[in-house]
Each structure stands twice: as C-alpha cells, then as structure tokens.
PDB file of all heavy atoms in Angstrom:
ATOM      1  N   ARG A   1       0.832  -1.192  -0.001  1.00  0.00           N
ATOM      2  CA  ARG A   1      -0.016   0.001  -0.005  1.00  0.00           C
ATOM      3  C   ARG A   1       0.880   1.235   0.003  1.00  0.00           C
ATOM      4  O   ARG A   1       2.028   1.201   0.404  1.00  0.00           O
ATOM      5  CB  ARG A   1      -0.951   0.020   1.194  1.00  0.00           C
ATOM      6  CG  ARG A   1      -0.269   0.238   2.558  1.00  0.00           C
ATOM      7  CD  ARG A   1      -1.252   0.098   3.685  1.00  0.00           C
ATOM      8  NE  ARG A   1      -0.613   0.384   4.979  1.00  0.00           N
ATOM      9  CZ  ARG A   1      -0.657   1.583   5.586  1.00  0.00           C
ATOM     10  NH1 ARG A   1      -1.309   2.592   5.000  1.00  0.00           N
ATOM     11  NH2 ARG A   1      -0.055   1.768   6.728  1.00  0.00           N
ATOM     12  N   ILE A   2       0.293   2.328  -0.476  1.00  0.00           N
ATOM     13  CA  ILE A   2       0.980   3.616  -0.518  1.00  0.00           C
ATOM     14  C   ILE A   2       0.597   4.397   0.743  1.00  0.00           C
ATOM     15  O   ILE A   2      -0.583   4.500   1.079  1.00  0.00           O
ATOM     16  CB  ILE A   2       0.611   4.425  -1.768  1.00  0.00           C
ATOM     17  CG1 ILE A   2       1.101   3.646  -3.024  1.00  0.00           C
ATOM     18  CG2 ILE A   2       1.214   5.799  -1.739  1.00  0.00           C
ATOM     19  CD1 ILE A   2       0.676   4.274  -4.320  1.00  0.00           C
ATOM     20  N   VAL A   3       1.568   4.930   1.414  1.00  0.00           N
ATOM     21  CA  VAL A   3       1.350   5.707   2.630  1.00  0.00           C
ATOM     22  C   VAL A   3       1.404   7.182   2.258  1.00  0.00           C
ATOM     23  O   VAL A   3       2.374   7.671   1.696  1.00  0.00           O
ATOM     24  CB  VAL A   3       2.424   5.387   3.689  1.00  0.00           C
ATOM     25  CG1 VAL A   3       2.183   6.207   4.951  1.00  0.00           C
ATOM     26  CG2 VAL A   3       2.437   3.908   3.994  1.00  0.00           C
ATOM     27  N   GLY A   4       0.317   7.876   2.557  1.00  0.00           N
ATOM     28  CA  GLY A   4       0.254   9.304   2.245  1.00  0.00           C
ATOM     29  C   GLY A   4       0.095  10.175   3.451  1.00  0.00           C
ATOM     30  O   GLY A   4      -0.251   9.716   4.555  1.00  0.00           O
ATOM     31  N   GLU A   5       0.358  11.460   3.264  1.00  0.00           N
ATOM     32  CA  GLU A   5       0.208  12.433   4.335  1.00  0.00           C
ATOM     33  C   GLU A   5      -0.118  13.791   3.738  1.00  0.00           C
ATOM     34  O   GLU A   5       0.609  14.293   2.874  1.00  0.00           O
ATOM     35  CB  GLU A   5       1.529  12.513   5.152  1.00  0.00           C
ATOM     36  CG  GLU A   5       1.445  13.484   6.330  1.00  0.00           C
ATOM     37  CD  GLU A   5       2.753  13.547   7.087  1.00  0.00           C
ATOM     38  OE1 GLU A   5       3.308  12.457   7.377  1.00  0.00           O
ATOM     39  OE2 GLU A   5       3.210  14.665   7.399  1.00  0.00           O
ATOM     40  N   ASN A   6      -1.272  14.353   4.103  1.00  0.00           N
ATOM     41  CA  ASN A   6      -1.726  15.661   3.591  1.00  0.00           C
ATOM     42  C   ASN A   6      -1.789  15.668   2.072  1.00  0.00           C
ATOM     43  O   ASN A   6      -1.442  16.661   1.425  1.00  0.00           O
ATOM     44  CB  ASN A   6      -0.801  16.764   4.080  1.00  0.00           C
ATOM     45  CG  ASN A   6      -0.765  16.899   5.587  1.00  0.00           C
ATOM     46  OD1 ASN A   6      -1.807  16.699   6.245  1.00  0.00           O
ATOM     47  ND2 ASN A   6       0.370  17.238   6.143  1.00  0.00           N
ATOM     48  N   GLY A   7      -2.254  14.547   1.517  1.00  0.00           N
ATOM     49  CA  GLY A   7      -2.441  14.487   0.068  1.00  0.00           C
ATOM     50  C   GLY A   7      -1.178  14.223  -0.718  1.00  0.00           C
ATOM     51  O   GLY A   7      -1.198  14.293  -1.952  1.00  0.00           O
ATOM     52  N   HIS A   8      -0.068  13.917  -0.044  1.00  0.00           N
ATOM     53  CA  HIS A   8       1.207  13.656  -0.728  1.00  0.00           C
ATOM     54  C   HIS A   8       1.725  12.258  -0.357  1.00  0.00           C
ATOM     55  O   HIS A   8       1.487  11.793   0.758  1.00  0.00           O
ATOM     56  CB  HIS A   8       2.247  14.705  -0.349  1.00  0.00           C
ATOM     57  CG  HIS A   8       1.894  16.080  -0.795  1.00  0.00           C
ATOM     58  ND1 HIS A   8       2.108  16.560  -2.076  1.00  0.00           N
ATOM     59  CD2 HIS A   8       1.320  17.112  -0.114  1.00  0.00           C
ATOM     60  CE1 HIS A   8       1.694  17.816  -2.169  1.00  0.00           C
ATOM     61  NE2 HIS A   8       1.224  18.182  -0.983  1.00  0.00           N
ATOM     62  N   VAL A   9       2.427  11.660  -1.279  1.00  0.00           N
ATOM     63  CA  VAL A   9       3.050  10.372  -1.043  1.00  0.00           C
ATOM     64  C   VAL A   9       4.194  10.529  -0.045  1.00  0.00           C
ATOM     65  O   VAL A   9       5.032  11.415  -0.206  1.00  0.00           O
ATOM     66  CB  VAL A   9       3.569   9.731  -2.339  1.00  0.00           C
ATOM     67  CG1 VAL A   9       4.351   8.453  -2.034  1.00  0.00           C
ATOM     68  CG2 VAL A   9       2.410   9.417  -3.263  1.00  0.00           C
ATOM     69  N   ARG A  10       4.225   9.655   0.956  1.00  0.00           N
ATOM     70  CA  ARG A  10       5.304   9.703   1.915  1.00  0.00           C
ATOM     71  C   ARG A  10       6.145   8.422   1.936  1.00  0.00           C
ATOM     72  O   ARG A  10       7.327   8.446   2.222  1.00  0.00           O
ATOM     73  CB  ARG A  10       4.767   9.957   3.339  1.00  0.00           C
ATOM     74  CG  ARG A  10       4.158  11.340   3.527  1.00  0.00           C
ATOM     75  CD  ARG A  10       5.170  12.415   3.162  1.00  0.00           C
ATOM     76  NE  ARG A  10       4.622  13.770   3.303  1.00  0.00           N
ATOM     77  CZ  ARG A  10       5.068  14.812   2.666  1.00  0.00           C
ATOM     78  NH1 ARG A  10       6.109  14.683   1.832  1.00  0.00           N
ATOM     79  NH2 ARG A  10       4.545  15.999   2.834  1.00  0.00           N
ATOM     80  N   ALA A  11       5.516   7.308   1.632  1.00  0.00           N
ATOM     81  CA  ALA A  11       6.223   6.053   1.676  1.00  0.00           C
ATOM     82  C   ALA A  11       5.406   4.981   0.958  1.00  0.00           C
ATOM     83  O   ALA A  11       4.257   5.208   0.592  1.00  0.00           O
ATOM     84  CB  ALA A  11       6.505   5.620   3.122  1.00  0.00           C
ATOM     85  N   ILE A  12       6.006   3.834   0.783  1.00  0.00           N
ATOM     86  CA  ILE A  12       5.310   2.690   0.241  1.00  0.00           C
ATOM     87  C   ILE A  12       5.585   1.483   1.106  1.00  0.00           C
ATOM     88  O   ILE A  12       6.746   1.192   1.426  1.00  0.00           O
ATOM     89  CB  ILE A  12       5.729   2.430  -1.242  1.00  0.00           C
ATOM     90  CG1 ILE A  12       4.910   1.298  -1.819  1.00  0.00           C
ATOM     91  CG2 ILE A  12       7.204   2.191  -1.379  1.00  0.00           C
ATOM     92  CD1 ILE A  12       5.046   1.160  -3.339  1.00  0.00           C
ATOM     93  N   GLU A  13       4.540   0.842   1.580  1.00  0.00           N
ATOM     94  CA  GLU A  13       4.684  -0.336   2.418  1.00  0.00           C
ATOM     95  C   GLU A  13       4.886  -1.573   1.526  1.00  0.00           C
ATOM     96  O   GLU A  13       4.131  -1.783   0.573  1.00  0.00           O
ATOM     97  CB  GLU A  13       3.449  -0.520   3.309  1.00  0.00           C
ATOM     98  CG  GLU A  13       3.606  -1.649   4.322  1.00  0.00           C
ATOM     99  CD  GLU A  13       2.403  -1.740   5.246  1.00  0.00           C
ATOM    100  OE1 GLU A  13       1.684  -0.725   5.383  1.00  0.00           O
ATOM    101  OE2 GLU A  13       2.205  -2.809   5.851  1.00  0.00           O
ATOM    102  N   CYS A  14       5.867  -2.389   1.837  1.00  0.00           N
ATOM    103  CA  CYS A  14       6.210  -3.532   1.021  1.00  0.00           C
ATOM    104  C   CYS A  14       6.308  -4.797   1.870  1.00  0.00           C
ATOM    105  O   CYS A  14       6.319  -4.735   3.107  1.00  0.00           O
ATOM    106  CB  CYS A  14       7.567  -3.309   0.325  1.00  0.00           C
ATOM    107  SG  CYS A  14       7.690  -1.763  -0.576  1.00  0.00           S
ATOM    108  N   GLU A  15       6.377  -5.924   1.200  1.00  0.00           N
ATOM    109  CA  GLU A  15       6.614  -7.176   1.883  1.00  0.00           C
ATOM    110  C   GLU A  15       7.540  -8.052   1.052  1.00  0.00           C
ATOM    111  O   GLU A  15       7.581  -7.970  -0.184  1.00  0.00           O
ATOM    112  CB  GLU A  15       5.323  -7.935   2.147  1.00  0.00           C
ATOM    113  CG  GLU A  15       4.550  -8.387   0.928  1.00  0.00           C
ATOM    114  CD  GLU A  15       3.298  -9.154   1.284  1.00  0.00           C
ATOM    115  OE1 GLU A  15       3.088  -9.438   2.463  1.00  0.00           O
ATOM    116  OE2 GLU A  15       2.517  -9.473   0.361  1.00  0.00           O
ATOM    117  N   ASN A  16       8.322  -8.885   1.717  1.00  0.00           N
ATOM    118  CA  ASN A  16       9.216  -9.804   1.033  1.00  0.00           C
ATOM    119  C   ASN A  16       8.444 -10.973   0.482  1.00  0.00           C
ATOM    120  O   ASN A  16       7.401 -11.371   1.004  1.00  0.00           O
ATOM    121  CB  ASN A  16      10.280 -10.312   1.995  1.00  0.00           C
ATOM    122  CG  ASN A  16      11.253  -9.229   2.417  1.00  0.00           C
ATOM    123  OD1 ASN A  16      11.901  -8.608   1.566  1.00  0.00           O
ATOM    124  ND2 ASN A  16      11.354  -8.960   3.698  1.00  0.00           N
ATOM    125  N   MET A  17       8.945 -11.535  -0.631  1.00  0.00           N
ATOM    126  CA  MET A  17       8.283 -12.642  -1.293  1.00  0.00           C
ATOM    127  C   MET A  17       9.225 -13.835  -1.370  1.00  0.00           C
ATOM    128  O   MET A  17      10.454 -13.693  -1.289  1.00  0.00           O
ATOM    129  CB  MET A  17       7.858 -12.238  -2.701  1.00  0.00           C
ATOM    130  CG  MET A  17       7.052 -10.945  -2.777  1.00  0.00           C
ATOM    131  SD  MET A  17       5.468 -11.068  -1.965  1.00  0.00           S
ATOM    132  CE  MET A  17       4.612 -12.157  -3.115  1.00  0.00           C
ATOM    133  N   ILE A  18       8.633 -15.011  -1.541  1.00  0.00           N
ATOM    134  CA  ILE A  18       9.395 -16.223  -1.862  1.00  0.00           C
ATOM    135  C   ILE A  18       8.750 -16.838  -3.111  1.00  0.00           C
ATOM    136  O   ILE A  18       7.557 -16.581  -3.373  1.00  0.00           O
ATOM    137  CB  ILE A  18       9.372 -17.256  -0.702  1.00  0.00           C
ATOM    138  CG1 ILE A  18       7.936 -17.605  -0.333  1.00  0.00           C
ATOM    139  CG2 ILE A  18      10.162 -16.724   0.485  1.00  0.00           C
ATOM    140  CD1 ILE A  18       7.863 -18.666   0.753  1.00  0.00           C
ATOM    141  N   LEU A  19       9.495 -17.628  -3.873  1.00  0.00           N
ATOM    142  CA  LEU A  19       8.972 -18.200  -5.085  1.00  0.00           C
ATOM    143  C   LEU A  19       8.442 -19.606  -4.814  1.00  0.00           C
ATOM    144  O   LEU A  19       9.125 -20.426  -4.205  1.00  0.00           O
ATOM    145  CB  LEU A  19      10.036 -18.258  -6.168  1.00  0.00           C
ATOM    146  CG  LEU A  19      10.535 -16.897  -6.683  1.00  0.00           C
ATOM    147  CD1 LEU A  19      11.566 -17.102  -7.787  1.00  0.00           C
ATOM    148  CD2 LEU A  19       9.391 -16.029  -7.163  1.00  0.00           C
ATOM    149  N   GLY A  20       7.206 -19.878  -5.317  1.00  0.00           N
ATOM    150  CA  GLY A  20       6.596 -21.164  -5.139  1.00  0.00           C
ATOM    151  C   GLY A  20       6.645 -21.983  -6.438  1.00  0.00           C
ATOM    152  O   GLY A  20       7.636 -21.962  -7.168  1.00  0.00           O
ATOM    153  N   GLU A  21       5.545 -22.668  -6.733  1.00  0.00           N
ATOM    154  CA  GLU A  21       5.474 -23.490  -7.940  1.00  0.00           C
ATOM    155  C   GLU A  21       5.339 -22.609  -9.169  1.00  0.00           C
ATOM    156  O   GLU A  21       4.954 -21.448  -9.119  1.00  0.00           O
ATOM    157  CB  GLU A  21       4.270 -24.425  -7.833  1.00  0.00           C
ATOM    158  CG  GLU A  21       4.335 -25.402  -6.659  1.00  0.00           C
ATOM    159  CD  GLU A  21       5.489 -26.352  -6.767  1.00  0.00           C
ATOM    160  OE1 GLU A  21       5.866 -26.716  -7.919  1.00  0.00           O
ATOM    161  OE2 GLU A  21       6.066 -26.729  -5.745  1.00  0.00           O
ATOM    162  N   GLU A  22       5.657 -23.193 -10.347  1.00  0.00           N
ATOM    163  CA  GLU A  22       5.557 -22.472 -11.599  1.00  0.00           C
ATOM    164  C   GLU A  22       4.082 -22.232 -11.967  1.00  0.00           C
ATOM    165  O   GLU A  22       3.210 -23.061 -11.713  1.00  0.00           O
ATOM    166  CB  GLU A  22       6.227 -23.255 -12.738  1.00  0.00           C
ATOM    167  CG  GLU A  22       7.735 -23.340 -12.621  1.00  0.00           C
ATOM    168  CD  GLU A  22       8.377 -23.983 -13.837  1.00  0.00           C
ATOM    169  OE1 GLU A  22       7.626 -24.441 -14.721  1.00  0.00           O
ATOM    170  OE2 GLU A  22       9.622 -24.023 -13.889  1.00  0.00           O
ATOM    171  N   ASP A  23       3.816 -21.045 -12.582  1.00  0.00           N
ATOM    172  CA  ASP A  23       2.459 -20.749 -13.034  1.00  0.00           C
ATOM    173  C   ASP A  23       2.334 -21.096 -14.499  1.00  0.00           C
ATOM    174  O   ASP A  23       3.189 -21.767 -15.082  1.00  0.00           O
ATOM    175  CB  ASP A  23       2.104 -19.287 -12.754  1.00  0.00           C
ATOM    176  CG  ASP A  23       3.123 -18.330 -13.348  1.00  0.00           C
ATOM    177  OD1 ASP A  23       3.856 -18.732 -14.270  1.00  0.00           O
ATOM    178  OD2 ASP A  23       3.166 -17.160 -12.907  1.00  0.00           O
ATOM    179  N   SER A  24       1.247 -20.625 -15.140  1.00  0.00           N
ATOM    180  CA  SER A  24       0.932 -21.020 -16.518  1.00  0.00           C
ATOM    181  C   SER A  24       1.982 -20.546 -17.523  1.00  0.00           C
ATOM    182  O   SER A  24       2.142 -21.145 -18.598  1.00  0.00           O
ATOM    183  CB  SER A  24      -0.449 -20.484 -16.915  1.00  0.00           C
ATOM    184  OG  SER A  24      -0.487 -19.062 -16.786  1.00  0.00           O
ATOM    185  N   ASP A  25       2.727 -19.470 -17.237  1.00  0.00           N
ATOM    186  CA  ASP A  25       3.712 -18.961 -18.193  1.00  0.00           C
ATOM    187  C   ASP A  25       5.115 -19.485 -17.890  1.00  0.00           C
ATOM    188  O   ASP A  25       6.097 -19.007 -18.456  1.00  0.00           O
ATOM    189  CB  ASP A  25       3.711 -17.424 -18.224  1.00  0.00           C
ATOM    190  CG  ASP A  25       4.119 -16.803 -16.893  1.00  0.00           C
ATOM    191  OD1 ASP A  25       4.383 -17.576 -15.925  1.00  0.00           O
ATOM    192  OD2 ASP A  25       4.129 -15.567 -16.788  1.00  0.00           O
ATOM    193  N   GLY A  26       5.223 -20.457 -16.999  1.00  0.00           N
ATOM    194  CA  GLY A  26       6.518 -21.100 -16.726  1.00  0.00           C
ATOM    195  C   GLY A  26       7.332 -20.390 -15.687  1.00  0.00           C
ATOM    196  O   GLY A  26       8.454 -20.865 -15.394  1.00  0.00           O
ATOM    197  N   ARG A  27       6.873 -19.306 -15.126  1.00  0.00           N
ATOM    198  CA  ARG A  27       7.597 -18.597 -14.085  1.00  0.00           C
ATOM    199  C   ARG A  27       7.083 -19.002 -12.703  1.00  0.00           C
ATOM    200  O   ARG A  27       5.887 -19.224 -12.521  1.00  0.00           O
ATOM    201  CB  ARG A  27       7.478 -17.084 -14.257  1.00  0.00           C
ATOM    202  CG  ARG A  27       8.103 -16.587 -15.532  1.00  0.00           C
ATOM    203  CD  ARG A  27       8.110 -15.066 -15.597  1.00  0.00           C
ATOM    204  NE  ARG A  27       6.778 -14.501 -15.551  1.00  0.00           N
ATOM    205  CZ  ARG A  27       6.518 -13.201 -15.452  1.00  0.00           C
ATOM    206  NH1 ARG A  27       7.510 -12.342 -15.332  1.00  0.00           N
ATOM    207  NH2 ARG A  27       5.264 -12.743 -15.458  1.00  0.00           N
ATOM    208  N   ARG A  28       7.978 -19.097 -11.741  1.00  0.00           N
ATOM    209  CA  ARG A  28       7.582 -19.507 -10.392  1.00  0.00           C
ATOM    210  C   ARG A  28       6.724 -18.419  -9.762  1.00  0.00           C
ATOM    211  O   ARG A  28       7.063 -17.225  -9.804  1.00  0.00           O
ATOM    212  CB  ARG A  28       8.817 -19.805  -9.554  1.00  0.00           C
ATOM    213  CG  ARG A  28       9.604 -21.009 -10.051  1.00  0.00           C
ATOM    214  CD  ARG A  28      10.900 -21.169  -9.311  1.00  0.00           C
ATOM    215  NE  ARG A  28      10.659 -21.440  -7.881  1.00  0.00           N
ATOM    216  CZ  ARG A  28      11.608 -21.502  -6.951  1.00  0.00           C
ATOM    217  NH1 ARG A  28      12.862 -21.245  -7.322  1.00  0.00           N
ATOM    218  NH2 ARG A  28      11.312 -21.743  -5.702  1.00  0.00           N
ATOM    219  N   LYS A  29       5.648 -18.824  -9.153  1.00  0.00           N
ATOM    220  CA  LYS A  29       4.680 -17.888  -8.601  1.00  0.00           C
ATOM    221  C   LYS A  29       5.162 -17.304  -7.280  1.00  0.00           C
ATOM    222  O   LYS A  29       5.513 -18.040  -6.350  1.00  0.00           O
ATOM    223  CB  LYS A  29       3.339 -18.582  -8.403  1.00  0.00           C
ATOM    224  CG  LYS A  29       2.193 -17.657  -7.999  1.00  0.00           C
ATOM    225  CD  LYS A  29       0.899 -18.419  -7.957  1.00  0.00           C
ATOM    226  CE  LYS A  29      -0.249 -17.489  -7.570  1.00  0.00           C
ATOM    227  NZ  LYS A  29      -1.559 -18.218  -7.522  1.00  0.00           N
ATOM    228  N   PRO A  30       5.208 -15.955  -7.174  1.00  0.00           N
ATOM    229  CA  PRO A  30       5.646 -15.358  -5.902  1.00  0.00           C
ATOM    230  C   PRO A  30       4.587 -15.485  -4.815  1.00  0.00           C
ATOM    231  O   PRO A  30       3.402 -15.370  -5.064  1.00  0.00           O
ATOM    232  CB  PRO A  30       5.852 -13.884  -6.279  1.00  0.00           C
ATOM    233  CG  PRO A  30       4.943 -13.645  -7.449  1.00  0.00           C
ATOM    234  CD  PRO A  30       4.877 -14.942  -8.202  1.00  0.00           C
ATOM    235  N   GLN A  31       5.053 -15.784  -3.604  1.00  0.00           N
ATOM    236  CA  GLN A  31       4.187 -15.912  -2.442  1.00  0.00           C
ATOM    237  C   GLN A  31       4.710 -15.072  -1.301  1.00  0.00           C
ATOM    238  O   GLN A  31       5.920 -14.858  -1.172  1.00  0.00           O
ATOM    239  CB  GLN A  31       4.119 -17.372  -2.008  1.00  0.00           C
ATOM    240  CG  GLN A  31       3.595 -18.336  -3.074  1.00  0.00           C
ATOM    241  CD  GLN A  31       3.674 -19.785  -2.660  1.00  0.00           C
ATOM    242  OE1 GLN A  31       4.353 -20.132  -1.699  1.00  0.00           O
ATOM    243  NE2 GLN A  31       2.990 -20.655  -3.377  1.00  0.00           N
ATOM    244  N   SER A  32       3.792 -14.573  -0.524  1.00  0.00           N
ATOM    245  CA  SER A  32       4.169 -13.659   0.553  1.00  0.00           C
ATOM    246  C   SER A  32       4.939 -14.397   1.638  1.00  0.00           C
ATOM    247  O   SER A  32       4.593 -15.508   2.035  1.00  0.00           O
ATOM    248  CB  SER A  32       2.904 -13.022   1.152  1.00  0.00           C
ATOM    249  OG  SER A  32       3.226 -12.240   2.298  1.00  0.00           O
ATOM    250  N   ALA A  33       6.008 -13.737   2.136  1.00  0.00           N
ATOM    251  CA  ALA A  33       6.738 -14.251   3.268  1.00  0.00           C
ATOM    252  C   ALA A  33       6.120 -13.646   4.535  1.00  0.00           C
ATOM    253  O   ALA A  33       5.991 -12.439   4.636  1.00  0.00           O
ATOM    254  CB  ALA A  33       8.233 -13.887   3.183  1.00  0.00           C
ATOM    255  N   LYS A  34       5.759 -14.472   5.479  1.00  0.00           N
ATOM    256  CA  LYS A  34       5.037 -14.016   6.658  1.00  0.00           C
ATOM    257  C   LYS A  34       5.882 -13.062   7.504  1.00  0.00           C
ATOM    258  O   LYS A  34       7.100 -13.242   7.632  1.00  0.00           O
ATOM    259  CB  LYS A  34       4.570 -15.209   7.481  1.00  0.00           C
ATOM    260  CG  LYS A  34       3.586 -16.096   6.791  1.00  0.00           C
ATOM    261  CD  LYS A  34       3.158 -17.248   7.697  1.00  0.00           C
ATOM    262  CE  LYS A  34       2.130 -18.145   6.981  1.00  0.00           C
ATOM    263  NZ  LYS A  34       1.698 -19.274   7.856  1.00  0.00           N
ATOM    264  N   ALA A  35       5.227 -12.083   8.085  1.00  0.00           N
ATOM    265  CA  ALA A  35       5.865 -11.138   9.024  1.00  0.00           C
ATOM    266  C   ALA A  35       7.120 -10.516   8.414  1.00  0.00           C
ATOM    267  O   ALA A  35       8.174 -10.475   9.042  1.00  0.00           O
ATOM    268  CB  ALA A  35       6.191 -11.829  10.336  1.00  0.00           C
TER     269      ALA A  35
END
C-alpha cells in the first residue's frame, strides 16, 4: 500500500516474497513471506 500524508506520497509499504510453484507462463509464482 501507498502511505500518504496531507495528500502527498510519503512512503510505500512492502513485503518480502518467496517463489513457489511455476504458473501457466513457466515462471515460479511469488508468495508472501510471513511477518
């Protein structure tokens, strides 16, 4: 999510990912890493 303050962007909240099984296009599907 994007973190805003007074109508302006201040930061972006992110999370780390891990790669799981391959999807339909042959690339491994990213999955959220907990906490």
